[in-house]
């Protein structure tokens, strides 16, 4: 029987489905609390007769492939393969590599929506008001604590991949006007968002949400110049990559009031140090890089890898 090593979180239902066709060794990297040295991983694959490998956080590099000549398939439980697999070495050794794009799209989209609502209605500040015993009905009815509604306002999405599309669908359902900037998406594929150029999006949006990868072109895409083009009082949400935003420029825009509030799930330094300037701003919501961390994501990547394996061995 074919031997499969899974070094990733994997749901029991898909483990059982794969056991019909594979002899499985399953060791989640979160349970072993360490990553396997790439060369040692290759030796293990060779000595244990593993032909199929699934990873989540480990690295399969040139030395891994060199030590495991019988390896045929690598599944990566991530939206992008990134640095986890040496694709040139995989091609050289004839190994098929697949990832799980969109595995966390719903998780990130729902966190984005939650952060947007929290900014609009000042939910964290209202929670702290109650906890501090400062609830004064005369002050909290309307006005400063009332917040704003999303319906009828404009959301600008930078990036319209799997996450961006999931966000667009949810915001459209809340009666928001949704604009998007993504040079790699055709207008016919953008609905319910309307594709615009970046300057148009910056000028029109009440909420700007980032969903693009970090590339040389997107590094500091939102810098001082870009933020100066936005309308006063916008809200910014970043669940993508910290370096897409020039953090110093965003800090200045928050202090000046041009940006009314920000919600950041990704940060230039993680974890945030105790002296981080972000901790001193009460109009900023900070979360610890949890966008794609819902428990359901494990089931999503388990299904996608299972289907890919079945197709690869001719079972699909």
C-alpha atoms as a PDB file:
ATOM      1  CA  UNK A   1       0.000   0.000   0.000  1.00  0.00           C
ATOM      2  CA  UNK A   2       1.171   3.560  -0.750  1.00  0.00           C
ATOM      3  CA  UNK A   3       2.814   5.272   2.246  1.00  0.00           C
ATOM      4  CA  UNK A   4       1.816   8.816   3.159  1.00  0.00           C
ATOM      5  CA  UNK A   5       3.421  11.033   5.798  1.00  0.00           C
ATOM      6  CA  UNK A   6       1.299  13.951   7.039  1.00  0.00           C
ATOM      7  CA  UNK A   7       3.122  16.608   9.076  1.00  0.00           C
ATOM      8  CA  UNK A   8       0.118  18.925   9.289  1.00  0.00           C
ATOM      9  CA  UNK A   9      -3.087  19.430  11.178  1.00  0.00           C
ATOM     10  CA  UNK A  10      -5.635  17.163   9.536  1.00  0.00           C
ATOM     11  CA  UNK A  11      -9.251  16.385  10.369  1.00  0.00           C
ATOM     12  CA  UNK A  12     -10.152  12.783  11.294  1.00  0.00           C
ATOM     13  CA  UNK A  13     -12.805  12.381   8.602  1.00  0.00           C
ATOM     14  CA  UNK A  14     -10.263  13.011   5.841  1.00  0.00           C
ATOM     15  CA  UNK A  15      -7.618  10.886   7.521  1.00  0.00           C
ATOM     16  CA  UNK A  16     -10.072   7.980   7.456  1.00  0.00           C
ATOM     17  CA  UNK A  17     -10.918   8.656   3.831  1.00  0.00           C
ATOM     18  CA  UNK A  18      -7.238   8.546   2.889  1.00  0.00           C
ATOM     19  CA  UNK A  19      -6.615   5.386   4.923  1.00  0.00           C
ATOM     20  CA  UNK A  20      -8.696   3.475   2.393  1.00  0.00           C
ATOM     21  CA  UNK A  21      -5.863   3.923  -0.081  1.00  0.00           C
ATOM     22  CA  UNK A  22      -2.754   4.884   1.915  1.00  0.00           C
ATOM     23  CA  UNK A  23      -0.796   3.680   4.894  1.00  0.00           C
ATOM     24  CA  UNK A  24      -0.631   6.911   6.879  1.00  0.00           C
ATOM     25  CA  UNK A  25       1.822   8.278   9.399  1.00  0.00           C
ATOM     26  CA  UNK A  26       0.323  11.417  10.921  1.00  0.00           C
ATOM     27  CA  UNK A  27       2.285  13.818  13.133  1.00  0.00           C
ATOM     28  CA  UNK A  28       1.013  17.386  13.333  1.00  0.00           C
ATOM     29  CA  UNK A  29       3.838  19.890  13.681  1.00  0.00           C
ATOM     30  CA  UNK A  30       1.847  21.597  16.439  1.00  0.00           C
ATOM     31  CA  UNK A  31       1.925  18.418  18.504  1.00  0.00           C
ATOM     32  CA  UNK A  32       5.629  17.707  18.000  1.00  0.00           C
ATOM     33  CA  UNK A  33       6.347  21.430  18.613  1.00  0.00           C
ATOM     34  CA  UNK A  34       9.266  21.405  16.207  1.00  0.00           C
ATOM     35  CA  UNK A  35       9.955  21.452  12.506  1.00  0.00           C
ATOM     36  CA  UNK A  36      11.956  18.691  10.875  1.00  0.00           C
ATOM     37  CA  UNK A  37      15.386  19.539   9.451  1.00  0.00           C
ATOM     38  CA  UNK A  38      14.958  19.406   5.641  1.00  0.00           C
ATOM     39  CA  UNK A  39      17.820  16.941   5.094  1.00  0.00           C
ATOM     40  CA  UNK A  40      16.704  14.773   8.016  1.00  0.00           C
ATOM     41  CA  UNK A  41      13.191  14.830   6.569  1.00  0.00           C
ATOM     42  CA  UNK A  42      14.561  13.489   3.288  1.00  0.00           C
ATOM     43  CA  UNK A  43      16.365  10.673   5.091  1.00  0.00           C
ATOM     44  CA  UNK A  44      13.170   9.783   6.929  1.00  0.00           C
ATOM     45  CA  UNK A  45      11.186   9.716   3.709  1.00  0.00           C
ATOM     46  CA  UNK A  46      13.764   7.374   2.188  1.00  0.00           C
ATOM     47  CA  UNK A  47      14.164   4.994   5.141  1.00  0.00           C
ATOM     48  CA  UNK A  48      10.422   4.768   5.830  1.00  0.00           C
ATOM     49  CA  UNK A  49       9.498   4.341   2.186  1.00  0.00           C
ATOM     50  CA  UNK A  50       7.350   7.464   1.970  1.00  0.00           C
ATOM     51  CA  UNK A  51       6.193   8.395  -1.522  1.00  0.00           C
ATOM     52  CA  UNK A  52       3.612  11.038  -0.585  1.00  0.00           C
ATOM     53  CA  UNK A  53       4.154  13.918   1.836  1.00  0.00           C
ATOM     54  CA  UNK A  54       1.870  16.589   3.287  1.00  0.00           C
ATOM     55  CA  UNK A  55       3.294  19.562   5.185  1.00  0.00           C
ATOM     56  CA  UNK A  56       1.989  22.733   6.774  1.00  0.00           C
ATOM     57  CA  UNK A  57       4.959  24.486   8.379  1.00  0.00           C
ATOM     58  CA  UNK A  58       7.934  22.287   7.453  1.00  0.00           C
ATOM     59  CA  UNK A  59      10.315  22.946   4.558  1.00  0.00           C
ATOM     60  CA  UNK A  60      11.022  20.612   1.645  1.00  0.00           C
ATOM     61  CA  UNK A  61      14.232  21.882   0.096  1.00  0.00           C
ATOM     62  CA  UNK A  62      16.806  20.649  -2.412  1.00  0.00           C
ATOM     63  CA  UNK A  63      18.493  18.445   0.192  1.00  0.00           C
ATOM     64  CA  UNK A  64      15.132  16.854   1.018  1.00  0.00           C
ATOM     65  CA  UNK A  65      14.503  15.862  -2.584  1.00  0.00           C
ATOM     66  CA  UNK A  66      18.093  14.628  -2.997  1.00  0.00           C
ATOM     67  CA  UNK A  67      17.721  12.315  -0.004  1.00  0.00           C
ATOM     68  CA  UNK A  68      14.289  10.973  -1.023  1.00  0.00           C
ATOM     69  CA  UNK A  69      14.463   9.832  -4.662  1.00  0.00           C
ATOM     70  CA  UNK A  70      11.116   7.990  -4.428  1.00  0.00           C
ATOM     71  CA  UNK A  71       9.099  11.042  -3.361  1.00  0.00           C
ATOM     72  CA  UNK A  72       6.327  11.688  -5.881  1.00  0.00           C
ATOM     73  CA  UNK A  73       3.953  14.213  -4.313  1.00  0.00           C
ATOM     74  CA  UNK A  74       4.102  17.080  -1.811  1.00  0.00           C
ATOM     75  CA  UNK A  75       0.929  18.711  -0.523  1.00  0.00           C
ATOM     76  CA  UNK A  76       1.287  22.074   1.208  1.00  0.00           C
ATOM     77  CA  UNK A  77      -1.496  23.026   3.599  1.00  0.00           C
ATOM     78  CA  UNK A  78      -1.135  26.734   2.888  1.00  0.00           C
ATOM     79  CA  UNK A  79      -2.735  29.188   0.510  1.00  0.00           C
ATOM     80  CA  UNK A  80       0.606  29.682  -1.235  1.00  0.00           C
ATOM     81  CA  UNK A  81       3.594  27.356  -1.503  1.00  0.00           C
ATOM     82  CA  UNK A  82       5.980  30.227  -0.800  1.00  0.00           C
ATOM     83  CA  UNK A  83       9.366  29.282   0.649  1.00  0.00           C
ATOM     84  CA  UNK A  84       8.179  25.949   2.020  1.00  0.00           C
ATOM     85  CA  UNK A  85       9.068  23.972  -1.110  1.00  0.00           C
ATOM     86  CA  UNK A  86      12.015  24.429  -3.437  1.00  0.00           C
ATOM     87  CA  UNK A  87      10.004  24.333  -6.655  1.00  0.00           C
ATOM     88  CA  UNK A  88      13.058  24.170  -8.892  1.00  0.00           C
ATOM     89  CA  UNK A  89      14.317  21.089  -7.046  1.00  0.00           C
ATOM     90  CA  UNK A  90      10.818  19.576  -7.129  1.00  0.00           C
ATOM     91  CA  UNK A  91      10.692  19.972 -10.912  1.00  0.00           C
ATOM     92  CA  UNK A  92      14.186  18.545 -11.266  1.00  0.00           C
ATOM     93  CA  UNK A  93      13.139  15.413  -9.349  1.00  0.00           C
ATOM     94  CA  UNK A  94       9.741  15.125 -11.061  1.00  0.00           C
ATOM     95  CA  UNK A  95       7.728  15.728  -7.883  1.00  0.00           C
ATOM     96  CA  UNK A  96       4.216  17.151  -8.083  1.00  0.00           C
ATOM     97  CA  UNK A  97       3.557  19.970  -5.593  1.00  0.00           C
ATOM     98  CA  UNK A  98       0.108  21.319  -4.730  1.00  0.00           C
ATOM     99  CA  UNK A  99      -1.114  23.916  -2.247  1.00  0.00           C
ATOM    100  CA  UNK A 100      -4.561  24.767  -0.857  1.00  0.00           C
ATOM    101  CA  UNK A 101      -5.513  28.180  -2.255  1.00  0.00           C
ATOM    102  CA  UNK A 102      -8.517  29.722  -0.583  1.00  0.00           C
ATOM    103  CA  UNK A 103      -8.341  27.455   2.459  1.00  0.00           C
ATOM    104  CA  UNK A 104      -8.627  30.449   4.804  1.00  0.00           C
ATOM    105  CA  UNK A 105     -10.563  32.843   2.578  1.00  0.00           C
ATOM    106  CA  UNK A 106     -13.764  32.652   4.622  1.00  0.00           C
ATOM    107  CA  UNK A 107     -11.874  32.959   7.920  1.00  0.00           C
ATOM    108  CA  UNK A 108     -10.000  36.082   6.832  1.00  0.00           C
ATOM    109  CA  UNK A 109     -13.086  37.572   5.177  1.00  0.00           C
ATOM    110  CA  UNK A 110     -15.172  37.131   8.311  1.00  0.00           C
ATOM    111  CA  UNK A 111     -12.478  38.635  10.524  1.00  0.00           C
ATOM    112  CA  UNK A 112     -12.256  41.576   8.099  1.00  0.00           C
ATOM    113  CA  UNK A 113     -16.000  42.086   8.366  1.00  0.00           C
ATOM    114  CA  UNK A 114     -15.839  41.873  12.145  1.00  0.00           C
ATOM    115  CA  UNK A 115     -13.035  44.430  12.306  1.00  0.00           C
ATOM    116  CA  UNK A 116     -14.882  46.756   9.954  1.00  0.00           C
ATOM    117  CA  UNK A 117     -18.012  46.620  12.090  1.00  0.00           C
ATOM    118  CA  UNK A 118     -15.964  47.096  15.253  1.00  0.00           C
ATOM    119  CA  UNK A 119     -14.344  50.217  13.801  1.00  0.00           C
ATOM    120  CA  UNK A 120     -17.624  51.621  12.520  1.00  0.00           C
ATOM    121  CA  UNK A 121     -19.503  51.125  15.788  1.00  0.00           C
ATOM    122  CA  UNK A 122     -16.534  51.565  18.162  1.00  0.00           C
ATOM    123  CA  UNK A 123     -17.306  48.213  19.770  1.00  0.00           C
ATOM    124  CA  UNK A 124     -13.981  47.728  21.646  1.00  0.00           C
ATOM    125  CA  UNK A 125     -14.172  51.233  23.128  1.00  0.00           C
ATOM    126  CA  UNK A 126     -17.808  50.753  24.132  1.00  0.00           C
ATOM    127  CA  UNK A 127     -16.902  47.461  25.807  1.00  0.00           C
ATOM    128  CA  UNK A 128     -14.151  49.160  27.818  1.00  0.00           C
ATOM    129  CA  UNK A 129     -16.552  51.983  28.741  1.00  0.00           C
ATOM    130  CA  UNK A 130     -18.915  49.485  30.356  1.00  0.00           C
ATOM    131  CA  UNK A 131     -16.088  47.571  32.071  1.00  0.00           C
ATOM    132  CA  UNK A 132     -14.744  50.802  33.545  1.00  0.00           C
ATOM    133  CA  UNK A 133     -18.137  51.715  35.001  1.00  0.00           C
ATOM    134  CA  UNK A 134     -18.428  54.836  32.859  1.00  0.00           C
ATOM    135  CA  UNK A 135     -21.761  54.036  31.209  1.00  0.00           C
ATOM    136  CA  UNK A 136     -23.653  57.316  31.049  1.00  0.00           C
ATOM    137  CA  UNK A 137     -26.853  57.053  29.018  1.00  0.00           C
ATOM    138  CA  UNK A 138     -26.771  60.775  28.318  1.00  0.00           C
ATOM    139  CA  UNK A 139     -23.463  60.358  26.514  1.00  0.00           C
ATOM    140  CA  UNK A 140     -23.814  56.963  24.848  1.00  0.00           C
ATOM    141  CA  UNK A 141     -27.137  57.256  23.052  1.00  0.00           C
ATOM    142  CA  UNK A 142     -26.272  59.125  19.870  1.00  0.00           C
ATOM    143  CA  UNK A 143     -23.336  61.183  18.717  1.00  0.00           C
ATOM    144  CA  UNK A 144     -19.769  60.098  19.370  1.00  0.00           C
ATOM    145  CA  UNK A 145     -20.658  56.652  20.689  1.00  0.00           C
ATOM    146  CA  UNK A 146     -23.326  55.950  18.125  1.00  0.00           C
ATOM    147  CA  UNK A 147     -20.815  55.185  15.385  1.00  0.00           C
ATOM    148  CA  UNK A 148     -21.677  54.930  11.696  1.00  0.00           C
ATOM    149  CA  UNK A 149     -23.485  52.393   9.537  1.00  0.00           C
ATOM    150  CA  UNK A 150     -21.811  50.396   6.768  1.00  0.00           C
ATOM    151  CA  UNK A 151     -24.863  50.434   4.509  1.00  0.00           C
ATOM    152  CA  UNK A 152     -24.603  53.099   1.829  1.00  0.00           C
ATOM    153  CA  UNK A 153     -20.901  53.680   2.350  1.00  0.00           C
ATOM    154  CA  UNK A 154     -18.043  52.738   0.037  1.00  0.00           C
ATOM    155  CA  UNK A 155     -15.526  49.968   0.678  1.00  0.00           C
ATOM    156  CA  UNK A 156     -12.290  49.912  -1.277  1.00  0.00           C
ATOM    157  CA  UNK A 157     -10.606  46.502  -1.523  1.00  0.00           C
ATOM    158  CA  UNK A 158      -6.977  46.330  -2.588  1.00  0.00           C
ATOM    159  CA  UNK A 159      -6.572  42.805  -3.907  1.00  0.00           C
ATOM    160  CA  UNK A 160      -9.388  40.667  -5.281  1.00  0.00           C
ATOM    161  CA  UNK A 161      -8.131  37.119  -4.878  1.00  0.00           C
ATOM    162  CA  UNK A 162      -9.992  34.445  -2.914  1.00  0.00           C
ATOM    163  CA  UNK A 163     -10.100  36.549   0.257  1.00  0.00           C
ATOM    164  CA  UNK A 164     -10.922  39.803  -1.503  1.00  0.00           C
ATOM    165  CA  UNK A 165     -13.806  38.185  -3.397  1.00  0.00           C
ATOM    166  CA  UNK A 166     -15.197  36.685  -0.177  1.00  0.00           C
ATOM    167  CA  UNK A 167     -15.034  40.111   1.473  1.00  0.00           C
ATOM    168  CA  UNK A 168     -16.702  41.775  -1.521  1.00  0.00           C
ATOM    169  CA  UNK A 169     -19.632  39.343  -1.388  1.00  0.00           C
ATOM    170  CA  UNK A 170     -20.217  39.993   2.302  1.00  0.00           C
ATOM    171  CA  UNK A 171     -19.977  43.764   2.038  1.00  0.00           C
ATOM    172  CA  UNK A 172     -22.295  43.806  -0.984  1.00  0.00           C
ATOM    173  CA  UNK A 173     -24.836  41.899   1.115  1.00  0.00           C
ATOM    174  CA  UNK A 174     -24.615  44.713   3.678  1.00  0.00           C
ATOM    175  CA  UNK A 175     -25.595  47.248   0.992  1.00  0.00           C
ATOM    176  CA  UNK A 176     -22.146  48.757   0.674  1.00  0.00           C
ATOM    177  CA  UNK A 177     -20.755  50.046  -2.590  1.00  0.00           C
ATOM    178  CA  UNK A 178     -17.689  47.911  -3.254  1.00  0.00           C
ATOM    179  CA  UNK A 179     -14.736  49.111  -5.319  1.00  0.00           C
ATOM    180  CA  UNK A 180     -11.617  47.030  -5.936  1.00  0.00           C
ATOM    181  CA  UNK A 181      -8.129  47.547  -7.291  1.00  0.00           C
ATOM    182  CA  UNK A 182      -6.374  44.469  -8.678  1.00  0.00           C
ATOM    183  CA  UNK A 183      -4.396  44.689 -11.937  1.00  0.00           C
ATOM    184  CA  UNK A 184      -4.556  40.907 -12.365  1.00  0.00           C
ATOM    185  CA  UNK A 185      -8.352  40.550 -12.342  1.00  0.00           C
ATOM    186  CA  UNK A 186     -10.636  41.137 -15.314  1.00  0.00           C
ATOM    187  CA  UNK A 187     -13.707  43.316 -14.868  1.00  0.00           C
ATOM    188  CA  UNK A 188     -15.983  40.389 -15.727  1.00  0.00           C
ATOM    189  CA  UNK A 189     -14.558  38.433 -12.776  1.00  0.00           C
ATOM    190  CA  UNK A 190     -14.834  41.241 -10.232  1.00  0.00           C
ATOM    191  CA  UNK A 191     -18.575  41.277  -9.455  1.00  0.00           C
ATOM    192  CA  UNK A 192     -20.043  42.333  -7.107  1.00  0.00           C
ATOM    193  CA  UNK A 193     -17.075  44.728  -6.873  1.00  0.00           C
ATOM    194  CA  UNK A 194     -16.388  47.371  -9.498  1.00  0.00           C
ATOM    195  CA  UNK A 195     -12.769  47.506 -10.663  1.00  0.00           C
ATOM    196  CA  UNK A 196     -11.119  50.934 -10.496  1.00  0.00           C
ATOM    197  CA  UNK A 197      -7.569  52.245 -10.492  1.00  0.00           C
ATOM    198  CA  UNK A 198      -5.847  52.853  -7.168  1.00  0.00           C
ATOM    199  CA  UNK A 199      -6.165  56.680  -7.108  1.00  0.00           C
ATOM    200  CA  UNK A 200      -9.919  56.403  -7.719  1.00  0.00           C
ATOM    201  CA  UNK A 201     -10.286  53.881  -4.924  1.00  0.00           C
ATOM    202  CA  UNK A 202      -8.287  56.012  -2.500  1.00  0.00           C
ATOM    203  CA  UNK A 203     -10.417  59.098  -3.214  1.00  0.00           C
ATOM    204  CA  UNK A 204     -13.768  57.315  -3.007  1.00  0.00           C
ATOM    205  CA  UNK A 205     -13.497  54.779  -0.188  1.00  0.00           C
ATOM    206  CA  UNK A 206     -14.809  55.247   3.344  1.00  0.00           C
ATOM    207  CA  UNK A 207     -13.205  51.941   4.341  1.00  0.00           C
ATOM    208  CA  UNK A 208     -10.019  50.551   2.764  1.00  0.00           C
ATOM    209  CA  UNK A 209      -9.257  46.872   3.278  1.00  0.00           C
ATOM    210  CA  UNK A 210      -6.061  45.154   2.136  1.00  0.00           C
ATOM    211  CA  UNK A 211      -6.087  41.681   0.574  1.00  0.00           C
ATOM    212  CA  UNK A 212      -3.054  41.647  -1.721  1.00  0.00           C
ATOM    213  CA  UNK A 213       0.169  39.627  -1.447  1.00  0.00           C
ATOM    214  CA  UNK A 214       3.434  41.261  -0.503  1.00  0.00           C
ATOM    215  CA  UNK A 215       5.555  41.785  -3.604  1.00  0.00           C
ATOM    216  CA  UNK A 216       8.130  44.402  -4.608  1.00  0.00           C
ATOM    217  CA  UNK A 217       5.239  46.267  -6.259  1.00  0.00           C
ATOM    218  CA  UNK A 218       2.969  46.208  -3.201  1.00  0.00           C
ATOM    219  CA  UNK A 219       5.565  46.936  -0.498  1.00  0.00           C
ATOM    220  CA  UNK A 220       4.502  50.247   1.106  1.00  0.00           C
ATOM    221  CA  UNK A 221       1.747  50.554  -1.488  1.00  0.00           C
ATOM    222  CA  UNK A 222      -0.054  52.711   1.055  1.00  0.00           C
ATOM    223  CA  UNK A 223       2.625  55.234   1.905  1.00  0.00           C
ATOM    224  CA  UNK A 224       2.443  58.909   2.867  1.00  0.00           C
ATOM    225  CA  UNK A 225       1.601  59.931  -0.702  1.00  0.00           C
ATOM    226  CA  UNK A 226      -1.177  57.369  -1.061  1.00  0.00           C
ATOM    227  CA  UNK A 227      -2.726  58.124   2.324  1.00  0.00           C
ATOM    228  CA  UNK A 228      -2.753  61.841   1.462  1.00  0.00           C
ATOM    229  CA  UNK A 229      -5.071  61.007  -1.472  1.00  0.00           C
ATOM    230  CA  UNK A 230      -7.743  59.475   0.747  1.00  0.00           C
ATOM    231  CA  UNK A 231     -10.789  61.350   1.957  1.00  0.00           C
ATOM    232  CA  UNK A 232     -10.486  62.606   5.551  1.00  0.00           C
ATOM    233  CA  UNK A 233     -11.816  60.237   8.210  1.00  0.00           C
ATOM    234  CA  UNK A 234     -11.362  56.906   6.435  1.00  0.00           C
ATOM    235  CA  UNK A 235     -10.997  53.575   8.212  1.00  0.00           C
ATOM    236  CA  UNK A 236      -8.205  51.143   7.268  1.00  0.00           C
ATOM    237  CA  UNK A 237      -8.199  47.358   7.774  1.00  0.00           C
ATOM    238  CA  UNK A 238      -5.115  45.234   7.126  1.00  0.00           C
ATOM    239  CA  UNK A 239      -5.402  41.442   7.317  1.00  0.00           C
ATOM    240  CA  UNK A 240      -2.923  40.877   4.477  1.00  0.00           C
ATOM    241  CA  UNK A 241       0.749  41.714   5.041  1.00  0.00           C
ATOM    242  CA  UNK A 242       2.082  44.430   7.322  1.00  0.00           C
ATOM    243  CA  UNK A 243       4.605  45.785   4.827  1.00  0.00           C
ATOM    244  CA  UNK A 244       1.903  46.682   2.297  1.00  0.00           C
ATOM    245  CA  UNK A 245       1.386  49.727   4.522  1.00  0.00           C
ATOM    246  CA  UNK A 246       4.103  52.181   5.538  1.00  0.00           C
ATOM    247  CA  UNK A 247       3.437  51.939   9.272  1.00  0.00           C
ATOM    248  CA  UNK A 248       5.110  55.263  10.061  1.00  0.00           C
ATOM    249  CA  UNK A 249       2.923  57.020   7.500  1.00  0.00           C
ATOM    250  CA  UNK A 250      -0.182  55.346   8.917  1.00  0.00           C
ATOM    251  CA  UNK A 251       0.748  56.385  12.444  1.00  0.00           C
ATOM    252  CA  UNK A 252       1.078  60.003  11.274  1.00  0.00           C
ATOM    253  CA  UNK A 253      -2.275  59.809   9.462  1.00  0.00           C
ATOM    254  CA  UNK A 254      -3.981  58.449  12.569  1.00  0.00           C
ATOM    255  CA  UNK A 255      -2.479  61.145  14.776  1.00  0.00           C
ATOM    256  CA  UNK A 256      -3.556  63.858  12.350  1.00  0.00           C
ATOM    257  CA  UNK A 257      -7.064  62.425  12.088  1.00  0.00           C
ATOM    258  CA  UNK A 258      -6.943  61.864   8.340  1.00  0.00           C
ATOM    259  CA  UNK A 259      -7.396  58.159   9.142  1.00  0.00           C
ATOM    260  CA  UNK A 260     -10.173  57.925  11.732  1.00  0.00           C
ATOM    261  CA  UNK A 261      -9.342  54.405  12.807  1.00  0.00           C
ATOM    262  CA  UNK A 262      -7.432  51.293  11.819  1.00  0.00           C
ATOM    263  CA  UNK A 263      -7.696  47.576  12.486  1.00  0.00           C
ATOM    264  CA  UNK A 264      -4.479  45.605  12.095  1.00  0.00           C
ATOM    265  CA  UNK A 265      -4.132  41.830  12.229  1.00  0.00           C
ATOM    266  CA  UNK A 266      -0.578  41.922  10.851  1.00  0.00           C
ATOM    267  CA  UNK A 267       2.335  43.889  12.218  1.00  0.00           C
ATOM    268  CA  UNK A 268       5.868  44.835  11.215  1.00  0.00           C
ATOM    269  CA  UNK A 269       7.150  43.276  14.456  1.00  0.00           C
ATOM    270  CA  UNK A 270       5.291  40.263  15.846  1.00  0.00           C
ATOM    271  CA  UNK A 271       4.557  40.001  18.726  1.00  0.00           C
ATOM    272  CA  UNK A 272       4.245  43.723  19.340  1.00  0.00           C
ATOM    273  CA  UNK A 273       6.863  44.944  21.820  1.00  0.00           C
ATOM    274  CA  UNK A 274       5.658  46.642  25.037  1.00  0.00           C
ATOM    275  CA  UNK A 275       6.852  50.030  23.771  1.00  0.00           C
ATOM    276  CA  UNK A 276       5.038  49.789  20.423  1.00  0.00           C
ATOM    277  CA  UNK A 277       3.407  53.114  19.480  1.00  0.00           C
ATOM    278  CA  UNK A 278       0.334  51.199  18.328  1.00  0.00           C
ATOM    279  CA  UNK A 279      -0.513  50.337  21.927  1.00  0.00           C
ATOM    280  CA  UNK A 280      -0.955  54.016  22.771  1.00  0.00           C
ATOM    281  CA  UNK A 281      -3.660  54.689  20.170  1.00  0.00           C
ATOM    282  CA  UNK A 282      -7.268  54.136  21.242  1.00  0.00           C
ATOM    283  CA  UNK A 283      -8.598  54.355  17.684  1.00  0.00           C
ATOM    284  CA  UNK A 284      -6.719  51.257  16.617  1.00  0.00           C
ATOM    285  CA  UNK A 285      -7.879  47.640  16.967  1.00  0.00           C
ATOM    286  CA  UNK A 286      -5.002  45.152  17.202  1.00  0.00           C
ATOM    287  CA  UNK A 287      -5.318  41.389  16.774  1.00  0.00           C
ATOM    288  CA  UNK A 288      -2.458  38.844  16.928  1.00  0.00           C
ATOM    289  CA  UNK A 289      -2.333  37.623  13.299  1.00  0.00           C
ATOM    290  CA  UNK A 290      -5.400  35.402  13.658  1.00  0.00           C
ATOM    291  CA  UNK A 291      -7.053  36.102  10.301  1.00  0.00           C
ATOM    292  CA  UNK A 292      -6.666  32.583   8.898  1.00  0.00           C
ATOM    293  CA  UNK A 293      -6.719  30.772  12.218  1.00  0.00           C
ATOM    294  CA  UNK A 294     -10.289  29.504  12.488  1.00  0.00           C
ATOM    295  CA  UNK A 295     -10.647  25.833  13.417  1.00  0.00           C
ATOM    296  CA  UNK A 296     -12.581  25.319  10.184  1.00  0.00           C
ATOM    297  CA  UNK A 297      -9.490  26.102   8.089  1.00  0.00           C
ATOM    298  CA  UNK A 298      -8.029  22.712   9.042  1.00  0.00           C
ATOM    299  CA  UNK A 299     -11.050  21.018   7.509  1.00  0.00           C
ATOM    300  CA  UNK A 300     -10.770  23.113   4.361  1.00  0.00           C
ATOM    301  CA  UNK A 301      -7.132  22.242   3.698  1.00  0.00           C
ATOM    302  CA  UNK A 302      -7.725  18.610   4.676  1.00  0.00           C
ATOM    303  CA  UNK A 303     -10.438  18.330   2.035  1.00  0.00           C
ATOM    304  CA  UNK A 304      -8.385  20.068  -0.655  1.00  0.00           C
ATOM    305  CA  UNK A 305      -5.302  17.903  -0.032  1.00  0.00           C
ATOM    306  CA  UNK A 306      -7.391  14.728   0.089  1.00  0.00           C
ATOM    307  CA  UNK A 307      -9.019  15.531  -3.239  1.00  0.00           C
ATOM    308  CA  UNK A 308      -5.638  16.383  -4.785  1.00  0.00           C
ATOM    309  CA  UNK A 309      -4.100  13.119  -3.573  1.00  0.00           C
ATOM    310  CA  UNK A 310      -7.034  11.075  -4.842  1.00  0.00           C
ATOM    311  CA  UNK A 311      -6.824  12.734  -8.232  1.00  0.00           C
ATOM    312  CA  UNK A 312      -3.045  12.276  -8.380  1.00  0.00           C
ATOM    313  CA  UNK A 313      -3.236   8.517  -7.768  1.00  0.00           C
ATOM    314  CA  UNK A 314      -6.234   8.094 -10.059  1.00  0.00           C
ATOM    315  CA  UNK A 315      -8.954   7.713  -7.453  1.00  0.00           C
ATOM    316  CA  UNK A 316     -10.877  10.901  -8.142  1.00  0.00           C
END
